[in-house]
Amino acid sequence: MEYFSALLPPVVMAVFFIGLVVTIIKSQGGPNKAKEDAAVDAALARAESVQQAPRAEGV
């Protein structure tokens, strides 16, 4: 019985981890991929425009 109680937590964690990885892989792509990509591209463009904006001197 000690073996069972010692092995149960790692086995349960492994099962949940595998389920998490499978869920992440299955949720990649699909009909919302273009919308997600567009949102990321827009956020990156905003971040780049803020970095490239000229700074006022003496401020």
PDB file of N, CA and C in Angstrom:
ATOM      1  N   MET A   1       0.823  -1.204   0.000  1.00  0.00           N
ATOM      2  CA  MET A   1       0.000   0.000   0.000  1.00  0.00           C
ATOM      3  C   MET A   1       0.863   1.263   0.000  1.00  0.00           C
ATOM      4  N   GLU A   2       2.053   1.159   0.568  1.00  0.00           N
ATOM      5  CA  GLU A   2       2.934   2.332   0.591  1.00  0.00           C
ATOM      6  C   GLU A   2       3.375   2.713  -0.828  1.00  0.00           C
ATOM      7  N   TYR A   3       3.568   1.694  -1.668  1.00  0.00           N
ATOM      8  CA  TYR A   3       3.961   1.988  -3.044  1.00  0.00           C
ATOM      9  C   TYR A   3       2.862   2.765  -3.760  1.00  0.00           C
ATOM     10  N   PHE A   4       1.643   2.346  -3.540  1.00  0.00           N
ATOM     11  CA  PHE A   4       0.513   3.017  -4.177  1.00  0.00           C
ATOM     12  C   PHE A   4       0.414   4.463  -3.731  1.00  0.00           C
ATOM     13  N   SER A   5       0.520   4.709  -2.437  1.00  0.00           N
ATOM     14  CA  SER A   5       0.411   6.081  -1.938  1.00  0.00           C
ATOM     15  C   SER A   5       1.612   6.925  -2.355  1.00  0.00           C
ATOM     16  N   ALA A   6       2.754   6.296  -2.588  1.00  0.00           N
ATOM     17  CA  ALA A   6       3.937   7.043  -3.030  1.00  0.00           C
ATOM     18  C   ALA A   6       3.852   7.374  -4.517  1.00  0.00           C
ATOM     19  N   LEU A   7       3.230   6.513  -5.305  1.00  0.00           N
ATOM     20  CA  LEU A   7       3.173   6.725  -6.749  1.00  0.00           C
ATOM     21  C   LEU A   7       1.950   7.514  -7.197  1.00  0.00           C
ATOM     22  N   LEU A   8       0.938   7.590  -6.372  1.00  0.00           N
ATOM     23  CA  LEU A   8      -0.300   8.249  -6.782  1.00  0.00           C
ATOM     24  C   LEU A   8      -0.116   9.733  -7.135  1.00  0.00           C
ATOM     25  N   PRO A   9       0.513  10.553  -6.294  1.00  0.00           N
ATOM     26  CA  PRO A   9       0.632  11.984  -6.658  1.00  0.00           C
ATOM     27  C   PRO A   9       1.373  12.235  -7.977  1.00  0.00           C
ATOM     28  N   PRO A  10       2.527  11.593  -8.246  1.00  0.00           N
ATOM     29  CA  PRO A  10       3.179  11.843  -9.537  1.00  0.00           C
ATOM     30  C   PRO A  10       2.348  11.372 -10.728  1.00  0.00           C
ATOM     31  N   VAL A  11       1.638  10.274 -10.572  1.00  0.00           N
ATOM     32  CA  VAL A  11       0.822   9.774 -11.670  1.00  0.00           C
ATOM     33  C   VAL A  11      -0.332  10.734 -11.947  1.00  0.00           C
ATOM     34  N   VAL A  12      -0.969  11.230 -10.901  1.00  0.00           N
ATOM     35  CA  VAL A  12      -2.070  12.182 -11.073  1.00  0.00           C
ATOM     36  C   VAL A  12      -1.561  13.462 -11.718  1.00  0.00           C
ATOM     37  N   MET A  13      -0.410  13.944 -11.258  1.00  0.00           N
ATOM     38  CA  MET A  13       0.155  15.164 -11.845  1.00  0.00           C
ATOM     39  C   MET A  13       0.514  14.941 -13.313  1.00  0.00           C
ATOM     40  N   ALA A  14       1.045  13.775 -13.654  1.00  0.00           N
ATOM     41  CA  ALA A  14       1.405  13.485 -15.040  1.00  0.00           C
ATOM     42  C   ALA A  14       0.154  13.450 -15.924  1.00  0.00           C
ATOM     43  N   VAL A  15      -0.916  12.861 -15.428  1.00  0.00           N
ATOM     44  CA  VAL A  15      -2.155  12.794 -16.206  1.00  0.00           C
ATOM     45  C   VAL A  15      -2.701  14.192 -16.450  1.00  0.00           C
ATOM     46  N   PHE A  16      -2.726  15.030 -15.415  1.00  0.00           N
ATOM     47  CA  PHE A  16      -3.215  16.397 -15.596  1.00  0.00           C
ATOM     48  C   PHE A  16      -2.318  17.197 -16.532  1.00  0.00           C
ATOM     49  N   PHE A  17      -1.005  17.006 -16.436  1.00  0.00           N
ATOM     50  CA  PHE A  17      -0.077  17.720 -17.309  1.00  0.00           C
ATOM     51  C   PHE A  17      -0.283  17.311 -18.766  1.00  0.00           C
ATOM     52  N   ILE A  18      -0.437  16.017 -19.008  1.00  0.00           N
ATOM     53  CA  ILE A  18      -0.670  15.544 -20.371  1.00  0.00           C
ATOM     54  C   ILE A  18      -1.988  16.110 -20.897  1.00  0.00           C
ATOM     55  N   GLY A  19      -3.014  16.141 -20.055  1.00  0.00           N
ATOM     56  CA  GLY A  19      -4.286  16.730 -20.464  1.00  0.00           C
ATOM     57  C   GLY A  19      -4.148  18.202 -20.795  1.00  0.00           C
ATOM     58  N   LEU A  20      -3.354  18.927 -20.011  1.00  0.00           N
ATOM     59  CA  LEU A  20      -3.128  20.346 -20.270  1.00  0.00           C
ATOM     60  C   LEU A  20      -2.423  20.554 -21.608  1.00  0.00           C
ATOM     61  N   VAL A  21      -1.390  19.770 -21.867  1.00  0.00           N
ATOM     62  CA  VAL A  21      -0.652  19.892 -23.122  1.00  0.00           C
ATOM     63  C   VAL A  21      -1.553  19.566 -24.312  1.00  0.00           C
ATOM     64  N   VAL A  22      -2.352  18.523 -24.197  1.00  0.00           N
ATOM     65  CA  VAL A  22      -3.260  18.153 -25.288  1.00  0.00           C
ATOM     66  C   VAL A  22      -4.270  19.268 -25.534  1.00  0.00           C
ATOM     67  N   THR A  23      -4.795  19.866 -24.454  1.00  0.00           N
ATOM     68  CA  THR A  23      -5.751  20.961 -24.598  1.00  0.00           C
ATOM     69  C   THR A  23      -5.117  22.167 -25.282  1.00  0.00           C
ATOM     70  N   ILE A  24      -3.898  22.498 -24.904  1.00  0.00           N
ATOM     71  CA  ILE A  24      -3.197  23.636 -25.513  1.00  0.00           C
ATOM     72  C   ILE A  24      -2.967  23.374 -26.998  1.00  0.00           C
ATOM     73  N   ILE A  25      -2.540  22.170 -27.335  1.00  0.00           N
ATOM     74  CA  ILE A  25      -2.266  21.845 -28.734  1.00  0.00           C
ATOM     75  C   ILE A  25      -3.549  21.882 -29.552  1.00  0.00           C
ATOM     76  N   LYS A  26      -4.629  21.350 -29.012  1.00  0.00           N
ATOM     77  CA  LYS A  26      -5.892  21.337 -29.755  1.00  0.00           C
ATOM     78  C   LYS A  26      -6.465  22.732 -29.940  1.00  0.00           C
ATOM     79  N   SER A  27      -6.168  23.648 -29.011  1.00  0.00           N
ATOM     80  CA  SER A  27      -6.747  24.987 -29.111  1.00  0.00           C
ATOM     81  C   SER A  27      -5.939  25.905 -30.034  1.00  0.00           C
ATOM     82  N   GLN A  28      -4.795  25.443 -30.517  1.00  0.00           N
ATOM     83  CA  GLN A  28      -4.001  26.248 -31.443  1.00  0.00           C
ATOM     84  C   GLN A  28      -4.655  26.222 -32.812  1.00  0.00           C
ATOM     85  N   GLY A  29      -4.654  27.349 -33.484  1.00  0.00           N
ATOM     86  CA  GLY A  29      -5.231  27.413 -34.819  1.00  0.00           C
ATOM     87  C   GLY A  29      -6.737  27.511 -34.756  1.00  0.00           C
ATOM     88  N   GLY A  30      -7.381  26.990 -35.738  1.00  0.00           N
ATOM     89  CA  GLY A  30      -8.832  27.015 -35.761  1.00  0.00           C
ATOM     90  C   GLY A  30      -9.367  28.312 -36.321  1.00  0.00           C
ATOM     91  N   PRO A  31     -10.670  28.534 -36.165  1.00  0.00           N
ATOM     92  CA  PRO A  31     -11.304  29.704 -36.777  1.00  0.00           C
ATOM     93  C   PRO A  31     -10.869  31.034 -36.153  1.00  0.00           C
ATOM     94  N   ASN A  32     -10.389  31.030 -34.927  1.00  0.00           N
ATOM     95  CA  ASN A  32     -10.011  32.286 -34.278  1.00  0.00           C
ATOM     96  C   ASN A  32      -8.540  32.636 -34.477  1.00  0.00           C
ATOM     97  N   LYS A  33      -7.783  31.805 -35.189  1.00  0.00           N
ATOM     98  CA  LYS A  33      -6.349  32.053 -35.345  1.00  0.00           C
ATOM     99  C   LYS A  33      -6.074  33.388 -36.019  1.00  0.00           C
ATOM    100  N   ALA A  34      -6.784  33.712 -37.081  1.00  0.00           N
ATOM    101  CA  ALA A  34      -6.544  34.969 -37.790  1.00  0.00           C
ATOM    102  C   ALA A  34      -6.854  36.158 -36.888  1.00  0.00           C
ATOM    103  N   LYS A  35      -7.913  36.058 -36.100  1.00  0.00           N
ATOM    104  CA  LYS A  35      -8.277  37.164 -35.202  1.00  0.00           C
ATOM    105  C   LYS A  35      -7.221  37.334 -34.113  1.00  0.00           C
ATOM    106  N   GLU A  36      -6.729  36.212 -33.568  1.00  0.00           N
ATOM    107  CA  GLU A  36      -5.695  36.293 -32.534  1.00  0.00           C
ATOM    108  C   GLU A  36      -4.403  36.863 -33.114  1.00  0.00           C
ATOM    109  N   ASP A  37      -4.033  36.419 -34.307  1.00  0.00           N
ATOM    110  CA  ASP A  37      -2.824  36.931 -34.951  1.00  0.00           C
ATOM    111  C   ASP A  37      -2.939  38.427 -35.222  1.00  0.00           C
ATOM    112  N   ALA A  38      -4.103  38.879 -35.653  1.00  0.00           N
ATOM    113  CA  ALA A  38      -4.306  40.301 -35.922  1.00  0.00           C
ATOM    114  C   ALA A  38      -4.202  41.113 -34.636  1.00  0.00           C
ATOM    115  N   ALA A  39      -4.716  40.586 -33.541  1.00  0.00           N
ATOM    116  CA  ALA A  39      -4.634  41.296 -32.259  1.00  0.00           C
ATOM    117  C   ALA A  39      -3.182  41.415 -31.802  1.00  0.00           C
ATOM    118  N   VAL A  40      -2.415  40.352 -31.971  1.00  0.00           N
ATOM    119  CA  VAL A  40      -0.999  40.386 -31.587  1.00  0.00           C
ATOM    120  C   VAL A  40      -0.234  41.353 -32.476  1.00  0.00           C
ATOM    121  N   ASP A  41      -0.488  41.320 -33.774  1.00  0.00           N
ATOM    122  CA  ASP A  41       0.183  42.235 -34.703  1.00  0.00           C
ATOM    123  C   ASP A  41      -0.139  43.695 -34.364  1.00  0.00           C
ATOM    124  N   ALA A  42      -1.385  43.979 -34.007  1.00  0.00           N
ATOM    125  CA  ALA A  42      -1.765  45.340 -33.648  1.00  0.00           C
ATOM    126  C   ALA A  42      -1.065  45.785 -32.363  1.00  0.00           C
ATOM    127  N   ALA A  43      -0.977  44.894 -31.398  1.00  0.00           N
ATOM    128  CA  ALA A  43      -0.298  45.241 -30.144  1.00  0.00           C
ATOM    129  C   ALA A  43       1.187  45.487 -30.380  1.00  0.00           C
ATOM    130  N   LEU A  44       1.817  44.671 -31.211  1.00  0.00           N
ATOM    131  CA  LEU A  44       3.234  44.875 -31.523  1.00  0.00           C
ATOM    132  C   LEU A  44       3.446  46.180 -32.271  1.00  0.00           C
ATOM    133  N   ALA A  45       2.556  46.511 -33.186  1.00  0.00           N
ATOM    134  CA  ALA A  45       2.677  47.765 -33.932  1.00  0.00           C
ATOM    135  C   ALA A  45       2.548  48.964 -32.998  1.00  0.00           C
ATOM    136  N   ARG A  46       1.606  48.893 -32.041  1.00  0.00           N
ATOM    137  CA  ARG A  46       1.473  49.988 -31.066  1.00  0.00           C
ATOM    138  C   ARG A  46       2.729  50.120 -30.222  1.00  0.00           C
ATOM    139  N   ALA A  47       3.293  48.994 -29.791  1.00  0.00           N
ATOM    140  CA  ALA A  47       4.502  49.037 -28.960  1.00  0.00           C
ATOM    141  C   ALA A  47       5.675  49.616 -29.738  1.00  0.00           C
ATOM    142  N   GLU A  48       5.806  49.239 -30.998  1.00  0.00           N
ATOM    143  CA  GLU A  48       6.895  49.768 -31.812  1.00  0.00           C
ATOM    144  C   GLU A  48       6.717  51.253 -32.086  1.00  0.00           C
ATOM    145  N   SER A  49       5.496  51.715 -32.295  1.00  0.00           N
ATOM    146  CA  SER A  49       5.279  53.133 -32.576  1.00  0.00           C
ATOM    147  C   SER A  49       5.570  53.981 -31.345  1.00  0.00           C
ATOM    148  N   VAL A  50       5.311  53.449 -30.164  1.00  0.00           N
ATOM    149  CA  VAL A  50       5.616  54.186 -28.937  1.00  0.00           C
ATOM    150  C   VAL A  50       7.126  54.287 -28.750  1.00  0.00           C
ATOM    151  N   GLN A  51       7.855  53.220 -29.071  1.00  0.00           N
ATOM    152  CA  GLN A  51       9.311  53.241 -28.929  1.00  0.00           C
ATOM    153  C   GLN A  51       9.958  54.190 -29.922  1.00  0.00           C
ATOM    154  N   GLN A  52       9.394  54.318 -31.116  1.00  0.00           N
ATOM    155  CA  GLN A  52      10.010  55.127 -32.151  1.00  0.00           C
ATOM    156  C   GLN A  52       9.557  56.583 -32.136  1.00  0.00           C
ATOM    157  N   ALA A  53       8.625  56.921 -31.271  1.00  0.00           N
ATOM    158  CA  ALA A  53       8.152  58.300 -31.215  1.00  0.00           C
ATOM    159  C   ALA A  53       9.278  59.200 -30.712  1.00  0.00           C
ATOM    160  N   PRO A  54       9.488  60.343 -31.360  1.00  0.00           N
ATOM    161  CA  PRO A  54      10.578  61.230 -30.918  1.00  0.00           C
ATOM    162  C   PRO A  54      10.259  61.840 -29.565  1.00  0.00           C
ATOM    163  N   ARG A  55      11.302  61.960 -28.764  1.00  0.00           N
ATOM    164  CA  ARG A  55      11.131  62.525 -27.435  1.00  0.00           C
ATOM    165  C   ARG A  55      11.386  64.040 -27.484  1.00  0.00           C
ATOM    166  N   ALA A  56      10.652  64.764 -26.667  1.00  0.00           N
ATOM    167  CA  ALA A  56      10.872  66.197 -26.566  1.00  0.00           C
ATOM    168  C   ALA A  56      12.105  66.429 -25.697  1.00  0.00           C
ATOM    169  N   GLU A  57      13.002  67.263 -26.185  1.00  0.00           N
ATOM    170  CA  GLU A  57      14.243  67.498 -25.445  1.00  0.00           C
ATOM    171  C   GLU A  57      13.981  68.445 -24.291  1.00  0.00           C
ATOM    172  N   GLY A  58      14.712  68.215 -23.212  1.00  0.00           N
ATOM    173  CA  GLY A  58      14.596  69.088 -22.043  1.00  0.00           C
ATOM    174  C   GLY A  58      13.415  68.743 -21.153  1.00  0.00           C
ATOM    175  N   VAL A  59      12.831  67.601 -21.327  1.00  0.00           N
ATOM    176  CA  VAL A  59      11.679  67.230 -20.500  1.00  0.00           C
ATOM    177  C   VAL A  59      12.114  66.331 -19.399  1.00  0.00           C
TER     178      VAL A  59
END
